[in-house]
Amino acid sequence: MQSILDPWPWYISGPLIAIIMFTLIYFGKTFGMSSNLRTLCTIGGAGKRVKFFDFDWRTQRWNLTVVAGAFIGGFIAHFYLSTPTNMDLNPETVKTLSTLGFQDAGKSLLPTELYSWDAVFSFKGLAILIIGGFLVGFGTRYAGGCTSGHAITGLSSLQLPSLIAVIGFFLGGLIMIHLLFPLIFG
C-alpha cells in the first residue's frame, strides 16, 4: 500500500502539474523560479541601477508564493515526509563515485563531500559555488528563463525556444557530469 512518505507516482503528480499549468496559462501567468529572483532583486532596489530590474514587481507578487512554497515544501518534505534510506544505485555508479572521492555513495540523497559546511567553506567549495552561480545566472538570463520555466511553462505552451533551451539544459548536464565532473573531482 502507498504511504504518504513514498514519492507520488507519475499518474498523480503529472496531472496535478498539468492542472496548475492549465490554470496559469488560462490566467495569462507564467511559472519559473528565475522570474522570482528578478522580482526579489527589484524589491531590493536593483531597478535604480539596472534597467532589467526596473518594472512593477507588484504584478509578479502572486509568483512569490512559488518561492515561499519551495521553502515550506522543502522543509516539510525533509523534516516530516522523508525517511532515511539507502538508495539502490547501480554498483558501477557507486564504484565510479568512489573513485571520484565520494565515500558514501547511495547512503544519502546529498553527498557530504559537496553538501556540508566543511565542503562549502573550502576553497574548492567556494569556487564551485561562485563559478556555478555565475554560470547558472548567465545561462538563465541568456536563455530567457530557468529550467523549470522553460521545461514546464514553455513546453506546455508549445514554445520552440523553450524546446531548444531544454535540449541545451540536458546537453549541458551531460557534458558537466561526463566531462567536467571527473576533472573537478577526479
N, C-alpha and C. Protein backbone atom coordinates (compact mmCIF):
# COMPACT_ATOMS: atom_id res chain seq x y z
N MET A 1 0.83 -1.19 0.00
CA MET A 1 0.00 0.00 0.00
C MET A 1 0.87 1.25 0.00
N GLN A 2 0.47 2.25 -0.75
CA GLN A 2 1.20 3.51 -0.89
C GLN A 2 1.14 4.29 0.42
N SER A 3 2.29 4.73 0.91
CA SER A 3 2.37 5.56 2.10
C SER A 3 2.54 7.02 1.69
N ILE A 4 2.12 7.93 2.54
CA ILE A 4 2.31 9.36 2.26
C ILE A 4 3.80 9.70 2.18
N LEU A 5 4.65 8.88 2.80
CA LEU A 5 6.09 9.13 2.77
C LEU A 5 6.73 8.70 1.46
N ASP A 6 6.05 7.87 0.69
CA ASP A 6 6.59 7.42 -0.59
C ASP A 6 6.45 8.54 -1.63
N PRO A 7 7.33 8.58 -2.62
CA PRO A 7 7.17 9.57 -3.69
C PRO A 7 5.85 9.36 -4.42
N TRP A 8 5.24 10.44 -4.83
CA TRP A 8 3.96 10.33 -5.56
C TRP A 8 4.22 9.76 -6.94
N PRO A 9 3.38 8.85 -7.40
CA PRO A 9 3.57 8.28 -8.73
C PRO A 9 3.25 9.32 -9.81
N TRP A 10 3.74 9.06 -11.00
CA TRP A 10 3.57 10.00 -12.11
C TRP A 10 2.11 10.28 -12.40
N TYR A 11 1.23 9.30 -12.24
CA TYR A 11 -0.17 9.49 -12.60
C TYR A 11 -0.91 10.38 -11.59
N ILE A 12 -0.26 10.75 -10.50
CA ILE A 12 -0.84 11.74 -9.57
C ILE A 12 -0.15 13.09 -9.78
N SER A 13 1.18 13.08 -9.71
CA SER A 13 1.92 14.36 -9.80
C SER A 13 1.84 14.97 -11.20
N GLY A 14 1.88 14.15 -12.24
CA GLY A 14 1.81 14.68 -13.62
C GLY A 14 0.52 15.45 -13.89
N PRO A 15 -0.65 14.83 -13.63
CA PRO A 15 -1.89 15.58 -13.83
C PRO A 15 -2.01 16.82 -12.94
N LEU A 16 -1.47 16.77 -11.72
CA LEU A 16 -1.50 17.96 -10.87
C LEU A 16 -0.70 19.11 -11.49
N ILE A 17 0.47 18.78 -12.03
CA ILE A 17 1.26 19.81 -12.71
C ILE A 17 0.51 20.33 -13.93
N ALA A 18 -0.13 19.43 -14.67
CA ALA A 18 -0.90 19.84 -15.86
C ALA A 18 -2.05 20.77 -15.48
N ILE A 19 -2.74 20.46 -14.40
CA ILE A 19 -3.86 21.31 -13.96
C ILE A 19 -3.34 22.69 -13.56
N ILE A 20 -2.24 22.72 -12.83
CA ILE A 20 -1.66 24.01 -12.43
C ILE A 20 -1.23 24.80 -13.65
N MET A 21 -0.60 24.14 -14.62
CA MET A 21 -0.14 24.84 -15.82
C MET A 21 -1.32 25.35 -16.64
N PHE A 22 -2.36 24.55 -16.77
CA PHE A 22 -3.54 24.99 -17.50
C PHE A 22 -4.13 26.23 -16.83
N THR A 23 -4.21 26.22 -15.51
CA THR A 23 -4.75 27.36 -14.77
C THR A 23 -3.89 28.60 -14.98
N LEU A 24 -2.57 28.44 -14.92
CA LEU A 24 -1.67 29.59 -15.13
C LEU A 24 -1.81 30.15 -16.54
N ILE A 25 -1.83 29.27 -17.54
CA ILE A 25 -1.96 29.71 -18.92
C ILE A 25 -3.31 30.40 -19.13
N TYR A 26 -4.35 29.85 -18.54
CA TYR A 26 -5.69 30.43 -18.66
C TYR A 26 -5.71 31.87 -18.13
N PHE A 27 -5.02 32.10 -17.01
CA PHE A 27 -5.00 33.43 -16.42
C PHE A 27 -3.85 34.30 -16.94
N GLY A 28 -3.13 33.81 -17.96
CA GLY A 28 -2.06 34.60 -18.57
C GLY A 28 -0.81 34.73 -17.72
N LYS A 29 -0.56 33.77 -16.86
CA LYS A 29 0.61 33.79 -15.98
C LYS A 29 1.64 32.78 -16.47
N THR A 30 2.88 32.99 -16.08
CA THR A 30 3.93 32.03 -16.39
C THR A 30 4.59 31.59 -15.10
N PHE A 31 5.21 30.42 -15.15
CA PHE A 31 5.86 29.85 -13.98
C PHE A 31 7.34 29.74 -14.24
N GLY A 32 8.14 30.08 -13.26
CA GLY A 32 9.58 29.91 -13.33
C GLY A 32 10.24 30.52 -12.10
N MET A 33 11.28 29.88 -11.63
CA MET A 33 11.95 30.37 -10.42
C MET A 33 12.80 31.60 -10.70
N SER A 34 13.42 31.69 -11.87
CA SER A 34 14.30 32.84 -12.13
C SER A 34 13.53 34.15 -12.18
N SER A 35 12.26 34.11 -12.58
CA SER A 35 11.47 35.34 -12.57
C SER A 35 11.26 35.82 -11.14
N ASN A 36 11.23 34.90 -10.19
CA ASN A 36 11.12 35.29 -8.79
C ASN A 36 12.38 35.98 -8.30
N LEU A 37 13.53 35.52 -8.76
CA LEU A 37 14.78 36.18 -8.38
C LEU A 37 14.80 37.61 -8.92
N ARG A 38 14.33 37.79 -10.14
CA ARG A 38 14.25 39.13 -10.72
C ARG A 38 13.32 40.01 -9.87
N THR A 39 12.18 39.45 -9.45
CA THR A 39 11.24 40.19 -8.62
C THR A 39 11.88 40.57 -7.29
N LEU A 40 12.58 39.63 -6.66
CA LEU A 40 13.23 39.92 -5.37
C LEU A 40 14.31 40.99 -5.52
N CYS A 41 15.07 40.96 -6.62
CA CYS A 41 16.08 41.99 -6.86
C CYS A 41 15.42 43.35 -7.06
N THR A 42 14.28 43.38 -7.73
CA THR A 42 13.55 44.63 -7.95
C THR A 42 13.04 45.18 -6.63
N ILE A 43 12.50 44.31 -5.79
CA ILE A 43 12.03 44.74 -4.47
C ILE A 43 13.19 45.36 -3.68
N GLY A 44 14.37 44.77 -3.83
CA GLY A 44 15.56 45.27 -3.14
C GLY A 44 16.13 46.56 -3.70
N GLY A 45 15.58 47.06 -4.80
CA GLY A 45 16.02 48.33 -5.36
C GLY A 45 16.97 48.25 -6.54
N ALA A 46 17.15 47.09 -7.11
CA ALA A 46 18.08 46.95 -8.23
C ALA A 46 17.64 47.73 -9.46
N GLY A 47 16.34 48.05 -9.55
CA GLY A 47 15.84 48.79 -10.70
C GLY A 47 16.38 50.21 -10.79
N LYS A 48 16.93 50.72 -9.70
CA LYS A 48 17.52 52.06 -9.71
C LYS A 48 18.83 52.10 -10.47
N ARG A 49 19.46 50.92 -10.62
CA ARG A 49 20.77 50.86 -11.27
C ARG A 49 20.77 50.10 -12.59
N VAL A 50 19.89 49.12 -12.72
CA VAL A 50 19.87 48.27 -13.90
C VAL A 50 18.47 48.26 -14.48
N LYS A 51 18.36 48.60 -15.76
CA LYS A 51 17.06 48.72 -16.41
C LYS A 51 16.27 47.41 -16.40
N PHE A 52 16.96 46.26 -16.48
CA PHE A 52 16.31 44.96 -16.49
C PHE A 52 15.42 44.77 -15.25
N PHE A 53 15.82 45.36 -14.12
CA PHE A 53 15.08 45.21 -12.88
C PHE A 53 14.08 46.35 -12.64
N ASP A 54 13.94 47.24 -13.62
CA ASP A 54 13.04 48.38 -13.46
C ASP A 54 11.66 48.02 -14.03
N PHE A 55 10.83 47.40 -13.20
CA PHE A 55 9.46 47.06 -13.60
C PHE A 55 8.60 47.05 -12.33
N ASP A 56 7.30 47.01 -12.52
CA ASP A 56 6.38 47.00 -11.39
C ASP A 56 6.32 45.58 -10.82
N TRP A 57 7.06 45.34 -9.75
CA TRP A 57 7.15 44.00 -9.17
C TRP A 57 5.83 43.53 -8.58
N ARG A 58 4.93 44.46 -8.29
CA ARG A 58 3.65 44.08 -7.70
C ARG A 58 2.82 43.19 -8.64
N THR A 59 3.08 43.31 -9.95
CA THR A 59 2.36 42.45 -10.90
C THR A 59 2.81 41.00 -10.78
N GLN A 60 3.97 40.76 -10.18
CA GLN A 60 4.50 39.40 -10.01
C GLN A 60 4.39 38.91 -8.57
N ARG A 61 3.68 39.67 -7.73
CA ARG A 61 3.57 39.32 -6.31
C ARG A 61 3.02 37.90 -6.12
N TRP A 62 2.07 37.51 -6.96
CA TRP A 62 1.48 36.18 -6.85
C TRP A 62 2.55 35.09 -7.01
N ASN A 63 3.54 35.36 -7.85
CA ASN A 63 4.57 34.38 -8.16
C ASN A 63 5.53 34.16 -6.98
N LEU A 64 5.57 35.11 -6.05
CA LEU A 64 6.42 34.94 -4.88
C LEU A 64 5.92 33.80 -3.98
N THR A 65 4.66 33.42 -4.15
CA THR A 65 4.16 32.26 -3.41
C THR A 65 4.89 30.99 -3.83
N VAL A 66 5.41 30.98 -5.05
CA VAL A 66 6.20 29.84 -5.51
C VAL A 66 7.46 29.71 -4.66
N VAL A 67 8.12 30.83 -4.38
CA VAL A 67 9.32 30.81 -3.55
C VAL A 67 8.97 30.35 -2.14
N ALA A 68 7.92 30.94 -1.58
CA ALA A 68 7.50 30.53 -0.24
C ALA A 68 7.14 29.05 -0.22
N GLY A 69 6.44 28.59 -1.25
CA GLY A 69 6.07 27.18 -1.34
C GLY A 69 7.27 26.26 -1.45
N ALA A 70 8.30 26.71 -2.17
CA ALA A 70 9.51 25.89 -2.31
C ALA A 70 10.20 25.73 -0.95
N PHE A 71 10.28 26.83 -0.19
CA PHE A 71 10.90 26.74 1.13
C PHE A 71 10.06 25.92 2.10
N ILE A 72 8.77 26.21 2.15
CA ILE A 72 7.89 25.49 3.08
C ILE A 72 7.79 24.02 2.68
N GLY A 73 7.60 23.76 1.39
CA GLY A 73 7.52 22.38 0.91
C GLY A 73 8.80 21.60 1.15
N GLY A 74 9.94 22.24 0.92
CA GLY A 74 11.22 21.59 1.19
C GLY A 74 11.40 21.25 2.65
N PHE A 75 11.00 22.19 3.53
CA PHE A 75 11.08 21.96 4.97
C PHE A 75 10.19 20.79 5.39
N ILE A 76 8.95 20.81 4.92
CA ILE A 76 8.02 19.74 5.27
C ILE A 76 8.51 18.40 4.73
N ALA A 77 8.95 18.39 3.47
CA ALA A 77 9.42 17.14 2.87
C ALA A 77 10.63 16.58 3.61
N HIS A 78 11.56 17.47 4.00
CA HIS A 78 12.77 16.99 4.66
C HIS A 78 12.52 16.53 6.09
N PHE A 79 11.79 17.32 6.83
CA PHE A 79 11.64 17.03 8.26
C PHE A 79 10.45 16.14 8.60
N TYR A 80 9.44 16.06 7.73
CA TYR A 80 8.25 15.31 8.09
C TYR A 80 7.89 14.18 7.13
N LEU A 81 8.34 14.24 5.89
CA LEU A 81 7.93 13.23 4.91
C LEU A 81 9.09 12.36 4.42
N SER A 82 10.27 12.57 4.93
CA SER A 82 11.43 11.80 4.47
C SER A 82 11.78 10.72 5.48
N THR A 83 12.12 9.58 4.96
CA THR A 83 12.64 8.52 5.80
C THR A 83 14.06 8.21 5.32
N PRO A 84 15.01 8.14 6.25
CA PRO A 84 16.37 7.84 5.82
C PRO A 84 16.42 6.46 5.18
N THR A 85 16.98 6.43 4.01
CA THR A 85 17.05 5.16 3.31
C THR A 85 18.26 5.14 2.39
N ASN A 86 18.77 3.97 2.21
CA ASN A 86 19.84 3.81 1.23
C ASN A 86 19.20 3.73 -0.15
N MET A 87 19.88 4.33 -1.11
CA MET A 87 19.39 4.27 -2.48
C MET A 87 19.97 3.05 -3.17
N ASP A 88 19.21 2.47 -4.03
CA ASP A 88 19.64 1.28 -4.75
C ASP A 88 20.34 1.73 -6.03
N LEU A 89 21.59 2.19 -5.88
CA LEU A 89 22.36 2.65 -7.04
C LEU A 89 23.01 1.48 -7.74
N ASN A 90 23.22 1.64 -9.02
CA ASN A 90 23.94 0.66 -9.80
C ASN A 90 25.35 0.51 -9.21
N PRO A 91 25.84 -0.70 -9.02
CA PRO A 91 27.18 -0.89 -8.45
C PRO A 91 28.28 -0.18 -9.24
N GLU A 92 28.12 -0.08 -10.55
CA GLU A 92 29.12 0.64 -11.35
C GLU A 92 29.12 2.13 -11.02
N THR A 93 27.94 2.68 -10.77
CA THR A 93 27.84 4.09 -10.37
C THR A 93 28.52 4.31 -9.03
N VAL A 94 28.28 3.42 -8.07
CA VAL A 94 28.91 3.52 -6.76
C VAL A 94 30.43 3.44 -6.90
N LYS A 95 30.90 2.53 -7.74
CA LYS A 95 32.34 2.36 -7.96
C LYS A 95 32.94 3.64 -8.58
N THR A 96 32.26 4.19 -9.58
CA THR A 96 32.74 5.42 -10.23
C THR A 96 32.77 6.57 -9.24
N LEU A 97 31.71 6.73 -8.47
CA LEU A 97 31.67 7.80 -7.48
C LEU A 97 32.73 7.62 -6.41
N SER A 98 33.01 6.39 -6.04
CA SER A 98 34.06 6.12 -5.05
C SER A 98 35.42 6.53 -5.58
N THR A 99 35.68 6.27 -6.86
CA THR A 99 36.97 6.69 -7.43
C THR A 99 37.09 8.21 -7.51
N LEU A 100 35.95 8.92 -7.52
CA LEU A 100 35.97 10.38 -7.55
C LEU A 100 36.01 10.99 -6.15
N GLY A 101 36.04 10.12 -5.12
CA GLY A 101 36.15 10.62 -3.76
C GLY A 101 34.87 10.66 -2.96
N PHE A 102 33.79 10.11 -3.48
CA PHE A 102 32.52 10.07 -2.77
C PHE A 102 32.43 8.74 -2.04
N GLN A 103 32.67 8.76 -0.74
CA GLN A 103 32.80 7.53 0.04
C GLN A 103 31.46 6.88 0.37
N ASP A 104 30.43 7.66 0.57
CA ASP A 104 29.14 7.11 0.99
C ASP A 104 28.10 7.18 -0.12
N ALA A 105 28.50 6.88 -1.33
CA ALA A 105 27.58 6.95 -2.47
C ALA A 105 26.40 6.03 -2.25
N GLY A 106 25.20 6.58 -2.37
CA GLY A 106 23.98 5.81 -2.20
C GLY A 106 23.46 5.77 -0.78
N LYS A 107 24.20 6.32 0.17
CA LYS A 107 23.76 6.30 1.57
C LYS A 107 22.85 7.47 1.91
N SER A 108 22.92 8.55 1.12
CA SER A 108 22.03 9.69 1.33
C SER A 108 21.81 10.38 -0.01
N LEU A 109 20.79 11.22 -0.06
CA LEU A 109 20.49 11.92 -1.30
C LEU A 109 21.55 12.97 -1.64
N LEU A 110 22.12 13.60 -0.62
CA LEU A 110 23.10 14.65 -0.82
C LEU A 110 24.45 14.21 -0.27
N PRO A 111 25.46 14.08 -1.12
CA PRO A 111 26.76 13.64 -0.62
C PRO A 111 27.40 14.70 0.27
N THR A 112 27.92 14.26 1.42
CA THR A 112 28.54 15.21 2.35
C THR A 112 29.80 15.85 1.77
N GLU A 113 30.40 15.21 0.77
CA GLU A 113 31.59 15.79 0.14
C GLU A 113 31.25 17.08 -0.60
N LEU A 114 29.97 17.29 -0.91
CA LEU A 114 29.52 18.52 -1.57
C LEU A 114 28.62 19.36 -0.68
N TYR A 115 27.78 18.71 0.12
CA TYR A 115 26.73 19.39 0.86
C TYR A 115 26.95 19.34 2.37
N SER A 116 28.07 19.83 2.81
CA SER A 116 28.33 20.01 4.24
C SER A 116 29.01 21.36 4.40
N TRP A 117 28.96 21.91 5.60
CA TRP A 117 29.58 23.22 5.81
C TRP A 117 31.08 23.17 5.57
N ASP A 118 31.72 22.05 5.90
CA ASP A 118 33.16 21.92 5.64
C ASP A 118 33.45 22.01 4.14
N ALA A 119 32.61 21.36 3.35
CA ALA A 119 32.80 21.38 1.90
C ALA A 119 32.53 22.77 1.33
N VAL A 120 31.48 23.41 1.82
CA VAL A 120 31.12 24.73 1.30
C VAL A 120 32.20 25.77 1.58
N PHE A 121 32.78 25.72 2.77
CA PHE A 121 33.77 26.73 3.15
C PHE A 121 35.20 26.35 2.80
N SER A 122 35.38 25.33 1.99
CA SER A 122 36.70 25.02 1.47
C SER A 122 36.93 25.86 0.21
N PHE A 123 38.18 25.96 -0.23
CA PHE A 123 38.48 26.73 -1.43
C PHE A 123 37.73 26.16 -2.64
N LYS A 124 37.77 24.83 -2.78
CA LYS A 124 37.09 24.19 -3.91
C LYS A 124 35.58 24.43 -3.83
N GLY A 125 35.00 24.30 -2.63
CA GLY A 125 33.57 24.51 -2.45
C GLY A 125 33.14 25.93 -2.80
N LEU A 126 33.91 26.91 -2.32
CA LEU A 126 33.59 28.30 -2.63
C LEU A 126 33.74 28.58 -4.13
N ALA A 127 34.77 28.01 -4.73
CA ALA A 127 34.98 28.20 -6.18
C ALA A 127 33.82 27.60 -6.97
N ILE A 128 33.38 26.41 -6.58
CA ILE A 128 32.25 25.78 -7.26
C ILE A 128 30.99 26.63 -7.12
N LEU A 129 30.73 27.15 -5.91
CA LEU A 129 29.55 27.98 -5.69
C LEU A 129 29.60 29.26 -6.51
N ILE A 130 30.74 29.93 -6.51
CA ILE A 130 30.85 31.21 -7.22
C ILE A 130 30.79 31.01 -8.73
N ILE A 131 31.59 30.09 -9.24
CA ILE A 131 31.61 29.86 -10.69
C ILE A 131 30.27 29.26 -11.15
N GLY A 132 29.77 28.29 -10.40
CA GLY A 132 28.49 27.68 -10.74
C GLY A 132 27.35 28.69 -10.68
N GLY A 133 27.35 29.52 -9.66
CA GLY A 133 26.31 30.55 -9.54
C GLY A 133 26.35 31.53 -10.69
N PHE A 134 27.56 31.95 -11.07
CA PHE A 134 27.70 32.85 -12.22
C PHE A 134 27.20 32.19 -13.50
N LEU A 135 27.58 30.94 -13.72
CA LEU A 135 27.16 30.25 -14.94
C LEU A 135 25.65 30.02 -14.98
N VAL A 136 25.06 29.67 -13.84
CA VAL A 136 23.61 29.49 -13.79
C VAL A 136 22.90 30.82 -14.05
N GLY A 137 23.38 31.88 -13.40
CA GLY A 137 22.78 33.20 -13.61
C GLY A 137 22.91 33.67 -15.05
N PHE A 138 24.10 33.52 -15.62
CA PHE A 138 24.32 33.91 -17.01
C PHE A 138 23.45 33.07 -17.95
N GLY A 139 23.44 31.75 -17.73
CA GLY A 139 22.66 30.87 -18.59
C GLY A 139 21.17 31.14 -18.51
N THR A 140 20.70 31.43 -17.31
CA THR A 140 19.28 31.73 -17.14
C THR A 140 18.91 33.00 -17.86
N ARG A 141 19.74 34.01 -17.74
CA ARG A 141 19.45 35.29 -18.42
C ARG A 141 19.58 35.12 -19.93
N TYR A 142 20.62 34.43 -20.38
CA TYR A 142 20.85 34.23 -21.81
C TYR A 142 19.73 33.42 -22.45
N ALA A 143 19.24 32.38 -21.72
CA ALA A 143 18.18 31.52 -22.25
C ALA A 143 16.80 32.14 -22.07
N GLY A 144 16.72 33.24 -21.35
CA GLY A 144 15.42 33.88 -21.13
C GLY A 144 14.55 33.15 -20.13
N GLY A 145 15.17 32.41 -19.23
CA GLY A 145 14.42 31.71 -18.21
C GLY A 145 15.20 30.52 -17.68
N CYS A 146 14.66 29.91 -16.65
CA CYS A 146 15.34 28.80 -16.00
C CYS A 146 14.78 27.46 -16.48
N THR A 147 15.32 26.39 -15.94
CA THR A 147 14.89 25.06 -16.37
C THR A 147 13.42 24.82 -16.08
N SER A 148 12.95 25.23 -14.90
CA SER A 148 11.54 25.00 -14.58
C SER A 148 10.63 25.84 -15.47
N GLY A 149 11.02 27.07 -15.73
CA GLY A 149 10.20 27.92 -16.59
C GLY A 149 10.10 27.39 -18.01
N HIS A 150 11.24 27.03 -18.59
CA HIS A 150 11.22 26.52 -19.96
C HIS A 150 10.60 25.12 -20.05
N ALA A 151 11.01 24.23 -19.13
CA ALA A 151 10.56 22.84 -19.23
C ALA A 151 9.09 22.68 -18.86
N ILE A 152 8.59 23.49 -17.94
CA ILE A 152 7.20 23.32 -17.54
C ILE A 152 6.30 24.30 -18.28
N THR A 153 6.58 25.59 -18.16
CA THR A 153 5.72 26.58 -18.80
C THR A 153 5.92 26.62 -20.31
N GLY A 154 7.17 26.72 -20.73
CA GLY A 154 7.45 26.87 -22.16
C GLY A 154 7.03 25.68 -22.99
N LEU A 155 7.34 24.48 -22.52
CA LEU A 155 6.95 23.29 -23.29
C LEU A 155 5.44 23.06 -23.26
N SER A 156 4.79 23.38 -22.14
CA SER A 156 3.34 23.17 -22.08
C SER A 156 2.59 24.16 -22.96
N SER A 157 3.22 25.29 -23.28
CA SER A 157 2.58 26.23 -24.21
C SER A 157 3.20 26.15 -25.60
N LEU A 158 3.92 25.05 -25.88
CA LEU A 158 4.47 24.71 -27.20
C LEU A 158 5.38 25.79 -27.79
N GLN A 159 6.27 26.32 -26.97
CA GLN A 159 7.21 27.35 -27.45
C GLN A 159 8.50 26.69 -27.94
N LEU A 160 8.84 26.93 -29.19
CA LEU A 160 10.06 26.36 -29.77
C LEU A 160 11.31 26.82 -29.03
N PRO A 161 11.46 28.10 -28.64
CA PRO A 161 12.66 28.49 -27.89
C PRO A 161 12.82 27.70 -26.58
N SER A 162 11.71 27.34 -25.95
CA SER A 162 11.80 26.54 -24.72
C SER A 162 12.28 25.13 -25.02
N LEU A 163 11.84 24.56 -26.13
CA LEU A 163 12.33 23.24 -26.51
C LEU A 163 13.83 23.28 -26.76
N ILE A 164 14.30 24.30 -27.46
CA ILE A 164 15.73 24.45 -27.72
C ILE A 164 16.49 24.64 -26.41
N ALA A 165 15.94 25.46 -25.49
CA ALA A 165 16.59 25.69 -24.20
C ALA A 165 16.66 24.40 -23.39
N VAL A 166 15.59 23.62 -23.37
CA VAL A 166 15.56 22.38 -22.60
C VAL A 166 16.58 21.38 -23.17
N ILE A 167 16.67 21.30 -24.48
CA ILE A 167 17.69 20.43 -25.09
C ILE A 167 19.07 20.91 -24.68
N GLY A 168 19.28 22.23 -24.66
CA GLY A 168 20.56 22.79 -24.22
C GLY A 168 20.85 22.48 -22.76
N PHE A 169 19.81 22.55 -21.90
CA PHE A 169 20.00 22.22 -20.48
C PHE A 169 20.45 20.77 -20.32
N PHE A 170 19.80 19.87 -21.05
CA PHE A 170 20.16 18.46 -20.94
C PHE A 170 21.56 18.20 -21.48
N LEU A 171 21.89 18.81 -22.62
CA LEU A 171 23.25 18.64 -23.16
C LEU A 171 24.28 19.20 -22.19
N GLY A 172 24.00 20.35 -21.62
CA GLY A 172 24.92 20.92 -20.64
C GLY A 172 25.08 20.03 -19.42
N GLY A 173 24.00 19.42 -18.96
CA GLY A 173 24.08 18.50 -17.83
C GLY A 173 24.91 17.26 -18.17
N LEU A 174 24.72 16.73 -19.37
CA LEU A 174 25.51 15.57 -19.80
C LEU A 174 26.99 15.91 -19.90
N ILE A 175 27.30 17.06 -20.47
CA ILE A 175 28.70 17.49 -20.58
C ILE A 175 29.30 17.67 -19.19
N MET A 176 28.53 18.28 -18.30
CA MET A 176 29.02 18.51 -16.95
C MET A 176 29.33 17.20 -16.24
N ILE A 177 28.39 16.27 -16.25
CA ILE A 177 28.56 15.06 -15.46
C ILE A 177 29.57 14.09 -16.07
N HIS A 178 29.67 14.07 -17.40
CA HIS A 178 30.57 13.10 -18.03
C HIS A 178 31.95 13.65 -18.34
N LEU A 179 32.08 14.96 -18.53
CA LEU A 179 33.38 15.53 -18.88
C LEU A 179 33.98 16.39 -17.77
N LEU A 180 33.21 17.34 -17.25
CA LEU A 180 33.76 18.28 -16.28
C LEU A 180 33.78 17.72 -14.85
N PHE A 181 32.76 16.98 -14.45
CA PHE A 181 32.71 16.43 -13.10
C PHE A 181 33.93 15.58 -12.77
N PRO A 182 34.35 14.67 -13.66
CA PRO A 182 35.57 13.91 -13.36
C PRO A 182 36.83 14.78 -13.27
N LEU A 183 36.86 15.89 -14.02
CA LEU A 183 38.01 16.79 -13.93
C LEU A 183 38.04 17.53 -12.59
N ILE A 184 36.87 17.91 -12.11
CA ILE A 184 36.80 18.66 -10.85
C ILE A 184 37.06 17.75 -9.66
N PHE A 185 36.50 16.54 -9.67
CA PHE A 185 36.58 15.66 -8.51
C PHE A 185 37.53 14.48 -8.69
N GLY A 186 38.08 14.33 -9.87
CA GLY A 186 38.95 13.18 -10.12
C GLY A 186 40.33 13.30 -9.55
